[in-house]
Amino acid sequence: MKMNTNEKGITLISLVITVVVLSILAGLLIETSLDDNGAVEIMNQVQNSYYTQQEQTQTRVNEMTNGWEDVLN
C-alpha cells in the first residue's frame, strides 16, 4: 500500500509556530497600549482635551447669548 504524501492540511509544527508568533504580537500590542505614552494614555488625554474645549465653547456661547437677552427685551 502506497501512502499519499501530497496531502493538504496544517501540520502541528506550523500550528505551534503560528500560536507563538500571535502570542508575541499580542504581548507587544498590550505592552505598547498600556505604557505611559501608549494608546490608552493618549486617548485619555484626547478625551480630557475634548471635554475642556466643550466646556469652554459652552461658556463662550452662554456669554454671547446673555448679551442678546438684554437687546431683545
C-alpha atoms as a PDB file:
ATOM      1  CA  MET A   1       0.000   0.000   0.000  1.00  0.00           C
ATOM      2  CA  LYS A   2       1.420   3.337  -1.068  1.00  0.00           C
ATOM      3  CA  MET A   3       0.932   6.470   1.150  1.00  0.00           C
ATOM      4  CA  ASN A   4      -0.058   9.710  -0.458  1.00  0.00           C
ATOM      5  CA  THR A   5       2.499  12.300   0.715  1.00  0.00           C
ATOM      6  CA  ASN A   6       0.830  15.183  -1.097  1.00  0.00           C
ATOM      7  CA  GLU A   7      -1.914  15.670   1.492  1.00  0.00           C
ATOM      8  CA  LYS A   8      -3.000  19.213   2.143  1.00  0.00           C
ATOM      9  CA  GLY A   9      -3.557  20.419   5.663  1.00  0.00           C
ATOM     10  CA  ILE A  10      -1.985  22.177   8.605  1.00  0.00           C
ATOM     11  CA  THR A  11       0.759  20.433  10.483  1.00  0.00           C
ATOM     12  CA  LEU A  12       1.232  20.536  14.209  1.00  0.00           C
ATOM     13  CA  ILE A  13       4.526  22.395  13.803  1.00  0.00           C
ATOM     14  CA  SER A  14       3.006  25.164  11.698  1.00  0.00           C
ATOM     15  CA  LEU A  15       0.151  25.464  14.201  1.00  0.00           C
ATOM     16  CA  VAL A  16       2.583  25.832  17.107  1.00  0.00           C
ATOM     17  CA  ILE A  17       4.646  28.414  15.202  1.00  0.00           C
ATOM     18  CA  THR A  18       1.501  30.395  14.384  1.00  0.00           C
ATOM     19  CA  VAL A  19       0.360  30.387  18.020  1.00  0.00           C
ATOM     20  CA  VAL A  20       3.796  31.510  19.222  1.00  0.00           C
ATOM     21  CA  VAL A  21       4.001  34.355  16.700  1.00  0.00           C
ATOM     22  CA  LEU A  22       0.475  35.543  17.522  1.00  0.00           C
ATOM     23  CA  SER A  23       1.258  35.406  21.248  1.00  0.00           C
ATOM     24  CA  ILE A  24       4.352  37.547  20.775  1.00  0.00           C
ATOM     25  CA  LEU A  25       2.421  40.088  18.692  1.00  0.00           C
ATOM     26  CA  ALA A  26      -0.393  40.208  21.244  1.00  0.00           C
ATOM     27  CA  GLY A  27       2.100  40.775  24.052  1.00  0.00           C
ATOM     28  CA  LEU A  28       3.738  43.634  22.179  1.00  0.00           C
ATOM     29  CA  LEU A  29       0.383  45.208  21.404  1.00  0.00           C
ATOM     30  CA  ILE A  30      -0.745  45.040  25.028  1.00  0.00           C
ATOM     31  CA  GLU A  31       2.571  46.426  26.268  1.00  0.00           C
ATOM     32  CA  THR A  32       2.560  49.388  23.893  1.00  0.00           C
ATOM     33  CA  SER A  33      -1.098  50.129  24.574  1.00  0.00           C
ATOM     34  CA  LEU A  34      -0.755  50.273  28.342  1.00  0.00           C
ATOM     35  CA  ASP A  35       2.589  52.019  28.885  1.00  0.00           C
ATOM     36  CA  ASP A  36       2.884  55.713  29.804  1.00  0.00           C
ATOM     37  CA  ASN A  37       2.735  57.004  26.235  1.00  0.00           C
ATOM     38  CA  GLY A  38       0.565  54.234  24.862  1.00  0.00           C
ATOM     39  CA  ALA A  39      -2.730  54.381  23.056  1.00  0.00           C
ATOM     40  CA  VAL A  40      -4.810  54.277  26.247  1.00  0.00           C
ATOM     41  CA  GLU A  41      -3.000  57.270  27.751  1.00  0.00           C
ATOM     42  CA  ILE A  42      -3.222  59.225  24.510  1.00  0.00           C
ATOM     43  CA  MET A  43      -6.957  58.543  24.279  1.00  0.00           C
ATOM     44  CA  ASN A  44      -7.414  59.741  27.872  1.00  0.00           C
ATOM     45  CA  GLN A  45      -5.577  62.968  27.017  1.00  0.00           C
ATOM     46  CA  VAL A  46      -7.696  63.463  23.897  1.00  0.00           C
ATOM     47  CA  GLN A  47     -10.884  62.859  25.866  1.00  0.00           C
ATOM     48  CA  ASN A  48      -9.880  65.358  28.562  1.00  0.00           C
ATOM     49  CA  SER A  49      -8.970  67.923  25.914  1.00  0.00           C
ATOM     50  CA  TYR A  50     -12.315  67.401  24.190  1.00  0.00           C
ATOM     51  CA  TYR A  51     -14.292  67.949  27.397  1.00  0.00           C
ATOM     52  CA  THR A  52     -12.240  71.038  28.249  1.00  0.00           C
ATOM     53  CA  GLN A  53     -12.862  72.530  24.800  1.00  0.00           C
ATOM     54  CA  GLN A  54     -16.551  71.651  25.034  1.00  0.00           C
ATOM     55  CA  GLU A  55     -16.866  73.446  28.388  1.00  0.00           C
ATOM     56  CA  GLN A  56     -15.000  76.497  27.068  1.00  0.00           C
ATOM     57  CA  THR A  57     -17.220  76.627  23.992  1.00  0.00           C
ATOM     58  CA  GLN A  58     -20.392  76.346  26.071  1.00  0.00           C
ATOM     59  CA  THR A  59     -19.185  79.100  28.392  1.00  0.00           C
ATOM     60  CA  ARG A  60     -18.473  81.374  25.406  1.00  0.00           C
ATOM     61  CA  VAL A  61     -21.887  80.633  23.859  1.00  0.00           C
ATOM     62  CA  ASN A  62     -23.580  81.428  27.180  1.00  0.00           C
ATOM     63  CA  GLU A  63     -21.674  84.723  27.418  1.00  0.00           C
ATOM     64  CA  MET A  64     -22.708  85.669  23.892  1.00  0.00           C
ATOM     65  CA  THR A  65     -26.381  84.767  24.336  1.00  0.00           C
ATOM     66  CA  ASN A  66     -26.643  86.634  27.655  1.00  0.00           C
ATOM     67  CA  GLY A  67     -25.903  89.869  25.811  1.00  0.00           C
ATOM     68  CA  TRP A  68     -28.708  89.223  23.315  1.00  0.00           C
ATOM     69  CA  GLU A  69     -31.302  88.791  26.039  1.00  0.00           C
ATOM     70  CA  ASP A  70     -30.790  92.430  27.055  1.00  0.00           C
ATOM     71  CA  VAL A  71     -31.055  93.622  23.433  1.00  0.00           C
ATOM     72  CA  LEU A  72     -34.199  91.589  22.687  1.00  0.00           C
ATOM     73  CA  ASN A  73     -36.056  92.702  25.821  1.00  0.00           C
END
